[in-house]
Protein backbone atom coordinates (compact mmCIF):
# COMPACT_ATOMS: atom_id res chain seq x y z
CA MET A 1 0.05 -0.09 -0.03
CA SER A 2 1.42 3.28 -1.09
CA SER A 3 1.44 6.31 1.49
CA ASN A 4 -1.44 7.95 -0.62
CA ASP A 5 -3.36 4.81 -0.04
CA THR A 6 -2.67 4.88 3.65
CA ILE A 7 -3.75 8.62 3.75
CA ALA A 8 -6.92 7.82 1.92
CA SER A 9 -8.02 5.14 4.34
CA LEU A 10 -7.91 7.59 7.21
CA ASN A 11 -11.13 9.48 8.11
CA PHE A 12 -10.98 13.20 7.39
CA ILE A 13 -10.09 14.21 10.99
CA GLU A 14 -7.25 11.74 10.95
CA GLN A 15 -5.99 13.15 7.58
CA ILE A 16 -6.12 16.72 9.07
CA VAL A 17 -4.11 15.46 12.22
CA GLU A 18 -1.57 13.51 9.99
CA GLY A 19 -1.15 16.54 7.71
CA ASP A 20 -0.60 18.75 10.80
CA LEU A 21 1.85 16.47 12.32
CA ALA A 22 3.86 15.93 8.82
CA THR A 23 4.11 19.72 8.42
CA GLY A 24 4.67 20.62 12.23
CA ALA A 25 1.91 23.03 11.65
CA LYS A 26 0.49 22.74 15.24
CA GLY A 27 3.40 21.04 17.02
CA ASP A 28 4.25 17.63 17.54
CA ILE A 29 1.75 16.59 20.12
CA VAL A 30 -1.99 16.11 19.54
CA TYR A 31 -4.27 17.63 22.07
CA THR A 32 -7.92 17.05 22.25
CA ARG A 33 -10.73 18.10 24.51
CA PHE A 34 -14.01 17.05 25.75
CA PRO A 35 -16.07 20.16 26.90
CA PRO A 36 -19.31 19.04 28.25
CA GLU A 37 -21.83 21.31 30.01
CA PRO A 38 -22.74 19.88 33.34
CA ASN A 39 -26.34 20.39 33.23
CA GLY A 40 -27.52 16.78 32.87
CA TYR A 41 -26.26 13.17 32.57
CA LEU A 42 -24.04 12.00 29.37
CA HIS A 43 -26.08 10.81 26.55
CA MET A 44 -24.92 8.83 23.31
CA GLY A 45 -23.87 12.14 21.62
CA HIS A 46 -21.48 12.63 24.41
CA VAL A 47 -20.30 9.23 24.19
CA LYS A 48 -19.39 9.61 20.38
CA SER A 49 -17.50 12.95 21.23
CA ILE A 50 -15.51 11.10 24.12
CA TYR A 51 -14.77 8.20 21.78
CA LEU A 52 -13.58 10.58 18.98
CA ASN A 53 -11.48 12.93 21.16
CA PHE A 54 -9.97 10.36 23.54
CA SER A 55 -9.21 7.77 20.86
CA LEU A 56 -7.51 10.33 18.62
CA ALA A 57 -5.43 11.46 21.52
CA LYS A 58 -4.47 7.93 22.33
CA LYS A 59 -3.77 7.06 18.64
CA TYR A 60 -1.22 9.68 18.19
CA GLY A 61 0.34 9.58 21.61
CA GLY A 62 -1.51 12.75 22.56
CA LYS A 63 -3.44 14.10 25.52
CA THR A 64 -7.14 14.97 26.24
CA ASN A 65 -8.34 17.67 28.25
CA LEU A 66 -11.68 17.69 30.15
CA ARG A 67 -13.07 21.20 30.32
CA PHE A 68 -16.41 21.71 31.65
CA ASP A 69 -18.41 24.41 30.02
CA ASP A 70 -19.96 25.76 33.33
CA THR A 71 -21.17 29.10 31.86
CA ASN A 72 -24.87 28.72 32.88
CA PRO A 73 -24.56 28.34 36.70
CA SER A 74 -28.59 28.15 36.97
CA LYS A 75 -28.65 24.88 35.16
CA GLU A 76 -25.42 23.23 36.24
CA ASN A 77 -24.63 21.04 39.22
CA MET A 78 -21.75 19.32 40.69
CA GLU A 79 -23.78 16.05 40.67
CA PHE A 80 -23.36 16.26 36.89
CA VAL A 81 -19.56 17.09 37.00
CA GLN A 82 -19.02 13.95 39.17
CA SER A 83 -21.32 11.71 37.06
CA MET A 84 -19.59 12.83 33.86
CA MET A 85 -16.14 11.97 35.29
CA ASP A 86 -17.13 8.67 36.81
CA ASP A 87 -18.69 7.62 33.19
CA ILE A 88 -15.66 8.93 31.25
CA HIS A 89 -13.65 6.48 33.68
CA TRP A 90 -16.20 3.71 33.17
CA LEU A 91 -15.71 4.00 29.47
CA GLY A 92 -12.05 3.46 29.97
CA TYR A 93 -10.52 6.92 29.32
CA ASP A 94 -8.63 9.51 31.46
CA TRP A 95 -7.92 13.03 30.87
CA GLU A 96 -4.67 15.06 31.22
CA GLY A 97 -4.26 16.69 34.72
CA GLU A 98 -7.07 18.15 36.77
CA PRO A 99 -10.57 18.83 35.06
CA LYS A 100 -10.71 22.51 33.87
CA TYR A 101 -13.79 24.74 34.06
CA ALA A 102 -14.54 27.55 31.70
CA SER A 103 -15.68 29.82 34.51
CA ASN A 104 -11.97 29.77 35.93
CA TYR A 105 -10.95 31.86 32.63
CA PHE A 106 -13.72 34.40 32.60
CA GLY A 107 -11.39 37.17 33.85
CA GLN A 108 -8.86 36.25 31.08
CA VAL A 109 -11.57 36.25 28.37
CA TYR A 110 -12.96 39.65 29.75
CA ALA A 111 -9.56 41.16 29.58
CA TRP A 112 -9.01 39.92 25.85
CA ALA A 113 -12.41 41.25 24.96
CA GLN A 114 -11.36 44.75 26.45
CA GLN A 115 -8.10 44.40 24.44
CA LEU A 116 -9.85 43.82 21.22
CA ILE A 117 -12.25 46.64 21.77
CA ARG A 118 -9.32 49.00 22.43
CA GLU A 119 -7.54 47.88 19.25
CA GLY A 120 -10.65 48.58 17.27
């Protein structure tokens, strides 16, 4: 099988990753993320995303971050955070480092927005 046949047998996401790794366009480590909103329990759509992100990172020797999109506090609950972490482990995956929370970055995002406004 030629290298063109090998590339063609990859799905479109793997083709992009392979291309980026070959050119060094994004560095040499594959980072993926799973960013659920902790406002309910995981469902099959989440499982598809978990499989895609964690499997791609594993295939390419990379890492996956778990970052909770906790930007709607009236709908979110720590019970869902814990349940999601338990379910990800049950599926056989683990993430890099401690889970992250979008709300931890609000100050930085606000500062960037102010900078963009100042710069027109």
